[in-house]
Amino acid sequence: MYALVTEGPLKAASDTRWEAHRHYADIHYTINGVEDIGAGRLGREKPVAPYDTAKDIAFYSVAGRFHRSEGFSYFVFFPGRDAHQPGVSAGNAVEGEVVRRLVIKVRVDEN
């Protein structure tokens, strides 16, 4: 298990990608700012880009819903099951506005 604090500009949903992991669950917690985060289930979708073993990430085309993430909100995404699309400009937020989040990565497989 390890944690990352990320900070970056919000983007339009069309400028971000759905991602999923094979080995790590993600726990996302918004520290500062407001963002929308997409959440969807993986079915039999094939990645739209090759799986990156070093970063444990693949990108997909997934149908999902967006949820508002701000202080006291957290989301848990499980590997091989859930896709997510973080960093999306929320409601009245301006594209380029910066959001800071804590991402806790928890290894959930035995390999």
N, C-alpha and C. Protein backbone atom coordinates (compact mmCIF):
# COMPACT_ATOMS: atom_id res chain seq x y z
N MET A 1 0.85 -1.16 0.00
CA MET A 1 0.00 0.00 0.00
C MET A 1 0.90 1.23 0.00
N TYR A 2 0.47 2.23 -0.74
CA TYR A 2 1.18 3.51 -0.72
C TYR A 2 0.20 4.62 -1.09
N ALA A 3 0.60 5.86 -0.82
CA ALA A 3 -0.28 6.99 -1.06
C ALA A 3 0.43 8.03 -1.92
N LEU A 4 -0.36 8.71 -2.73
CA LEU A 4 0.13 9.79 -3.57
C LEU A 4 -0.76 11.00 -3.36
N VAL A 5 -0.17 12.17 -3.32
CA VAL A 5 -0.95 13.39 -3.38
C VAL A 5 -0.75 13.94 -4.78
N THR A 6 -1.85 14.08 -5.50
CA THR A 6 -1.77 14.59 -6.86
C THR A 6 -2.44 15.95 -6.92
N GLU A 7 -1.95 16.77 -7.80
CA GLU A 7 -2.52 18.09 -8.00
C GLU A 7 -2.48 18.38 -9.48
N GLY A 8 -3.60 18.76 -10.02
CA GLY A 8 -3.62 19.03 -11.44
C GLY A 8 -4.85 19.79 -11.87
N PRO A 9 -4.81 20.30 -13.09
CA PRO A 9 -5.93 21.09 -13.59
C PRO A 9 -7.11 20.21 -13.99
N LEU A 10 -8.30 20.75 -13.80
CA LEU A 10 -9.51 20.07 -14.25
C LEU A 10 -9.61 20.18 -15.76
N LYS A 11 -10.25 19.18 -16.37
CA LYS A 11 -10.40 19.15 -17.83
C LYS A 11 -11.83 18.78 -18.17
N ALA A 12 -12.20 19.01 -19.40
CA ALA A 12 -13.49 18.54 -19.89
C ALA A 12 -13.45 17.02 -19.94
N ALA A 13 -14.59 16.37 -19.77
CA ALA A 13 -14.64 14.90 -19.80
C ALA A 13 -14.06 14.37 -21.11
N SER A 14 -14.27 15.10 -22.21
CA SER A 14 -13.76 14.64 -23.50
C SER A 14 -12.24 14.68 -23.59
N ASP A 15 -11.61 15.39 -22.65
CA ASP A 15 -10.14 15.49 -22.64
C ASP A 15 -9.49 14.60 -21.60
N THR A 16 -10.26 13.73 -20.95
CA THR A 16 -9.72 12.79 -19.98
C THR A 16 -10.08 11.38 -20.43
N ARG A 17 -9.48 10.38 -19.79
CA ARG A 17 -9.72 9.00 -20.20
C ARG A 17 -10.18 8.15 -19.02
N TRP A 18 -10.95 7.11 -19.36
CA TRP A 18 -11.34 6.11 -18.36
C TRP A 18 -10.15 5.22 -18.13
N GLU A 19 -9.84 4.96 -16.87
CA GLU A 19 -8.71 4.10 -16.53
C GLU A 19 -9.13 3.00 -15.57
N ALA A 20 -8.36 1.93 -15.58
CA ALA A 20 -8.59 0.82 -14.65
C ALA A 20 -7.24 0.17 -14.37
N HIS A 21 -7.22 -0.58 -13.29
CA HIS A 21 -5.98 -1.21 -12.83
C HIS A 21 -6.19 -2.72 -12.69
N ARG A 22 -5.10 -3.46 -12.70
CA ARG A 22 -5.17 -4.92 -12.56
C ARG A 22 -4.78 -5.40 -11.17
N HIS A 23 -3.93 -4.65 -10.47
CA HIS A 23 -3.38 -5.14 -9.21
C HIS A 23 -3.71 -4.28 -7.99
N TYR A 24 -3.99 -3.01 -8.21
CA TYR A 24 -4.21 -2.09 -7.09
C TYR A 24 -5.62 -1.52 -7.09
N ALA A 25 -6.21 -1.49 -5.91
CA ALA A 25 -7.45 -0.73 -5.70
C ALA A 25 -7.04 0.72 -5.47
N ASP A 26 -7.86 1.64 -5.94
CA ASP A 26 -7.62 3.08 -5.73
C ASP A 26 -8.67 3.62 -4.77
N ILE A 27 -8.21 4.39 -3.81
CA ILE A 27 -9.11 5.16 -2.95
C ILE A 27 -8.81 6.63 -3.24
N HIS A 28 -9.77 7.35 -3.79
CA HIS A 28 -9.60 8.76 -4.14
C HIS A 28 -10.31 9.63 -3.11
N TYR A 29 -9.60 10.63 -2.61
CA TYR A 29 -10.16 11.59 -1.65
C TYR A 29 -9.76 12.99 -2.10
N THR A 30 -10.73 13.86 -2.32
CA THR A 30 -10.46 15.22 -2.74
C THR A 30 -10.08 16.06 -1.53
N ILE A 31 -8.89 16.64 -1.57
CA ILE A 31 -8.39 17.47 -0.47
C ILE A 31 -8.84 18.92 -0.66
N ASN A 32 -8.56 19.48 -1.84
CA ASN A 32 -8.92 20.86 -2.16
C ASN A 32 -9.56 20.89 -3.54
N GLY A 33 -10.61 21.69 -3.68
CA GLY A 33 -11.25 21.84 -4.97
C GLY A 33 -12.47 20.93 -5.09
N VAL A 34 -13.07 21.02 -6.24
CA VAL A 34 -14.25 20.22 -6.56
C VAL A 34 -14.04 19.65 -7.95
N GLU A 35 -14.26 18.36 -8.08
CA GLU A 35 -14.16 17.73 -9.39
C GLU A 35 -15.30 16.75 -9.57
N ASP A 36 -15.56 16.41 -10.81
CA ASP A 36 -16.44 15.29 -11.10
C ASP A 36 -15.54 14.11 -11.38
N ILE A 37 -15.96 12.94 -10.91
CA ILE A 37 -15.19 11.72 -11.16
C ILE A 37 -16.14 10.69 -11.73
N GLY A 38 -15.75 10.12 -12.86
CA GLY A 38 -16.56 9.10 -13.49
C GLY A 38 -16.33 7.76 -12.83
N ALA A 39 -17.39 6.98 -12.73
CA ALA A 39 -17.31 5.63 -12.17
C ALA A 39 -18.11 4.71 -13.07
N GLY A 40 -17.50 3.61 -13.47
CA GLY A 40 -18.18 2.65 -14.34
C GLY A 40 -17.63 1.26 -14.13
N ARG A 41 -18.38 0.29 -14.59
CA ARG A 41 -17.98 -1.12 -14.46
C ARG A 41 -17.32 -1.59 -15.74
N LEU A 42 -16.27 -2.36 -15.57
CA LEU A 42 -15.66 -3.02 -16.72
C LEU A 42 -16.47 -4.26 -17.05
N GLY A 43 -16.72 -4.46 -18.30
CA GLY A 43 -17.37 -5.67 -18.76
C GLY A 43 -16.34 -6.46 -19.54
N ARG A 44 -16.59 -6.57 -20.80
CA ARG A 44 -15.64 -7.26 -21.68
C ARG A 44 -14.89 -6.28 -22.57
N GLU A 45 -14.84 -5.02 -22.15
CA GLU A 45 -14.15 -4.01 -22.94
C GLU A 45 -12.68 -4.35 -23.11
N LYS A 46 -12.16 -4.06 -24.26
CA LYS A 46 -10.73 -4.18 -24.51
C LYS A 46 -10.10 -2.81 -24.27
N PRO A 47 -8.88 -2.78 -23.76
CA PRO A 47 -8.22 -1.48 -23.57
C PRO A 47 -8.06 -0.75 -24.90
N VAL A 48 -8.15 0.57 -24.86
CA VAL A 48 -7.95 1.39 -26.06
C VAL A 48 -6.48 1.75 -26.23
N ALA A 49 -5.66 1.42 -25.24
CA ALA A 49 -4.21 1.58 -25.29
C ALA A 49 -3.63 0.39 -24.54
N PRO A 50 -2.42 -0.04 -24.89
CA PRO A 50 -1.83 -1.20 -24.21
C PRO A 50 -1.71 -1.00 -22.70
N TYR A 51 -1.87 -2.08 -21.96
CA TYR A 51 -1.70 -2.07 -20.51
C TYR A 51 -0.26 -1.71 -20.18
N ASP A 52 -0.07 -0.79 -19.25
CA ASP A 52 1.26 -0.38 -18.80
C ASP A 52 1.56 -1.11 -17.49
N THR A 53 2.42 -2.12 -17.57
CA THR A 53 2.74 -2.94 -16.41
C THR A 53 3.39 -2.12 -15.30
N ALA A 54 4.29 -1.24 -15.63
CA ALA A 54 5.01 -0.46 -14.63
C ALA A 54 4.07 0.46 -13.84
N LYS A 55 3.06 1.00 -14.50
CA LYS A 55 2.12 1.92 -13.83
C LYS A 55 0.81 1.25 -13.44
N ASP A 56 0.67 -0.04 -13.78
CA ASP A 56 -0.57 -0.78 -13.49
C ASP A 56 -1.80 0.00 -13.95
N ILE A 57 -1.81 0.34 -15.25
CA ILE A 57 -2.93 1.12 -15.76
C ILE A 57 -3.23 0.75 -17.21
N ALA A 58 -4.50 0.74 -17.52
CA ALA A 58 -4.96 0.59 -18.90
C ALA A 58 -6.11 1.58 -19.08
N PHE A 59 -6.31 2.02 -20.31
CA PHE A 59 -7.36 2.99 -20.61
C PHE A 59 -8.44 2.32 -21.45
N TYR A 60 -9.68 2.69 -21.18
CA TYR A 60 -10.84 2.03 -21.78
C TYR A 60 -11.85 3.05 -22.29
N SER A 61 -12.77 2.54 -23.08
CA SER A 61 -13.97 3.29 -23.45
C SER A 61 -15.11 2.63 -22.68
N VAL A 62 -15.62 3.33 -21.67
CA VAL A 62 -16.60 2.76 -20.74
C VAL A 62 -17.78 3.72 -20.61
N ALA A 63 -18.96 3.16 -20.45
CA ALA A 63 -20.13 3.98 -20.11
C ALA A 63 -20.21 4.04 -18.59
N GLY A 64 -20.30 5.22 -18.05
CA GLY A 64 -20.36 5.35 -16.60
C GLY A 64 -21.09 6.62 -16.21
N ARG A 65 -21.16 6.87 -14.92
CA ARG A 65 -21.82 8.06 -14.39
C ARG A 65 -20.79 8.93 -13.69
N PHE A 66 -21.09 10.22 -13.64
CA PHE A 66 -20.20 11.15 -12.96
C PHE A 66 -20.79 11.54 -11.61
N HIS A 67 -19.90 11.69 -10.64
CA HIS A 67 -20.28 12.03 -9.27
C HIS A 67 -19.42 13.21 -8.81
N ARG A 68 -20.01 14.08 -8.04
CA ARG A 68 -19.28 15.25 -7.51
C ARG A 68 -18.36 14.78 -6.39
N SER A 69 -17.12 15.22 -6.43
CA SER A 69 -16.15 14.89 -5.40
C SER A 69 -15.59 16.18 -4.83
N GLU A 70 -15.79 16.36 -3.55
CA GLU A 70 -15.25 17.53 -2.84
C GLU A 70 -14.93 17.07 -1.43
N GLY A 71 -14.53 17.99 -0.57
CA GLY A 71 -14.16 17.61 0.79
C GLY A 71 -15.13 16.62 1.41
N PHE A 72 -14.61 15.65 2.11
CA PHE A 72 -15.36 14.59 2.79
C PHE A 72 -15.96 13.56 1.82
N SER A 73 -15.56 13.59 0.57
CA SER A 73 -16.00 12.59 -0.40
C SER A 73 -14.83 11.66 -0.70
N TYR A 74 -15.11 10.38 -0.79
CA TYR A 74 -14.08 9.47 -1.25
C TYR A 74 -14.72 8.39 -2.11
N PHE A 75 -13.90 7.81 -2.98
CA PHE A 75 -14.36 6.79 -3.91
C PHE A 75 -13.36 5.65 -3.88
N VAL A 76 -13.86 4.41 -3.98
CA VAL A 76 -13.01 3.22 -4.00
C VAL A 76 -13.26 2.50 -5.32
N PHE A 77 -12.17 2.20 -6.02
CA PHE A 77 -12.24 1.51 -7.31
C PHE A 77 -11.41 0.24 -7.23
N PHE A 78 -12.02 -0.90 -7.55
CA PHE A 78 -11.36 -2.19 -7.44
C PHE A 78 -10.77 -2.63 -8.77
N PRO A 79 -9.61 -3.30 -8.73
CA PRO A 79 -8.96 -3.72 -9.97
C PRO A 79 -9.76 -4.80 -10.70
N GLY A 80 -9.69 -4.71 -12.03
CA GLY A 80 -10.36 -5.71 -12.85
C GLY A 80 -11.87 -5.59 -12.87
N ARG A 81 -12.42 -4.66 -12.13
CA ARG A 81 -13.87 -4.53 -12.03
C ARG A 81 -14.36 -3.11 -12.31
N ASP A 82 -13.67 -2.12 -11.77
CA ASP A 82 -14.12 -0.74 -11.85
C ASP A 82 -13.20 0.11 -12.73
N ALA A 83 -13.80 0.99 -13.50
CA ALA A 83 -13.06 2.00 -14.25
C ALA A 83 -13.42 3.35 -13.64
N HIS A 84 -12.51 4.29 -13.76
CA HIS A 84 -12.78 5.63 -13.25
C HIS A 84 -12.14 6.67 -14.15
N GLN A 85 -12.71 7.88 -14.09
CA GLN A 85 -12.26 8.99 -14.92
C GLN A 85 -12.17 10.23 -14.03
N PRO A 86 -11.00 10.44 -13.40
CA PRO A 86 -10.85 11.56 -12.48
C PRO A 86 -10.48 12.86 -13.20
N GLY A 87 -10.57 13.98 -12.45
CA GLY A 87 -10.07 15.25 -12.95
C GLY A 87 -10.97 15.98 -13.91
N VAL A 88 -12.27 15.69 -13.86
CA VAL A 88 -13.22 16.31 -14.78
C VAL A 88 -13.79 17.58 -14.15
N SER A 89 -13.86 18.64 -14.94
CA SER A 89 -14.40 19.91 -14.48
C SER A 89 -15.83 19.75 -14.00
N ALA A 90 -16.09 20.19 -12.77
CA ALA A 90 -17.39 19.98 -12.12
C ALA A 90 -18.26 21.22 -12.20
N GLY A 91 -19.50 21.03 -12.63
CA GLY A 91 -20.49 22.10 -12.58
C GLY A 91 -19.99 23.44 -13.05
N ASN A 92 -19.89 24.40 -12.12
CA ASN A 92 -19.47 25.76 -12.45
C ASN A 92 -17.95 25.95 -12.42
N ALA A 93 -17.21 24.88 -12.14
CA ALA A 93 -15.76 25.00 -12.08
C ALA A 93 -15.22 25.38 -13.46
N VAL A 94 -14.14 26.06 -13.46
CA VAL A 94 -13.50 26.51 -14.69
C VAL A 94 -12.46 25.48 -15.10
N GLU A 95 -12.46 25.12 -16.39
CA GLU A 95 -11.41 24.22 -16.85
C GLU A 95 -10.07 24.85 -16.53
N GLY A 96 -9.14 24.05 -16.08
CA GLY A 96 -7.83 24.54 -15.70
C GLY A 96 -7.72 24.82 -14.21
N GLU A 97 -8.87 24.91 -13.50
CA GLU A 97 -8.83 25.07 -12.05
C GLU A 97 -8.12 23.85 -11.46
N VAL A 98 -7.34 24.07 -10.43
CA VAL A 98 -6.53 23.00 -9.87
C VAL A 98 -7.28 22.29 -8.75
N VAL A 99 -7.18 20.96 -8.76
CA VAL A 99 -7.75 20.15 -7.68
C VAL A 99 -6.62 19.31 -7.09
N ARG A 100 -6.65 19.15 -5.78
CA ARG A 100 -5.65 18.32 -5.09
C ARG A 100 -6.37 17.14 -4.49
N ARG A 101 -5.81 15.93 -4.72
CA ARG A 101 -6.46 14.73 -4.19
C ARG A 101 -5.41 13.79 -3.60
N LEU A 102 -5.87 12.98 -2.68
CA LEU A 102 -5.07 11.91 -2.11
C LEU A 102 -5.54 10.62 -2.78
N VAL A 103 -4.59 9.87 -3.31
CA VAL A 103 -4.91 8.57 -3.90
C VAL A 103 -4.12 7.52 -3.12
N ILE A 104 -4.85 6.62 -2.50
CA ILE A 104 -4.23 5.51 -1.77
C ILE A 104 -4.35 4.28 -2.66
N LYS A 105 -3.22 3.65 -2.92
CA LYS A 105 -3.15 2.47 -3.78
C LYS A 105 -2.95 1.24 -2.87
N VAL A 106 -3.88 0.29 -2.97
CA VAL A 106 -3.82 -0.90 -2.12
C VAL A 106 -3.73 -2.13 -3.01
N ARG A 107 -2.66 -2.88 -2.86
CA ARG A 107 -2.49 -4.10 -3.65
C ARG A 107 -3.48 -5.13 -3.14
N VAL A 108 -4.24 -5.73 -4.07
CA VAL A 108 -5.29 -6.67 -3.64
C VAL A 108 -5.13 -8.06 -4.23
N ASP A 109 -4.06 -8.29 -4.97
CA ASP A 109 -3.84 -9.64 -5.48
C ASP A 109 -2.61 -10.23 -4.82
N GLU A 110 -2.34 -11.49 -5.11
CA GLU A 110 -1.21 -12.17 -4.48
C GLU A 110 0.00 -12.28 -5.40
N ASN A 111 -0.10 -11.75 -6.61
CA ASN A 111 1.02 -11.86 -7.58
C ASN A 111 1.98 -10.71 -7.46
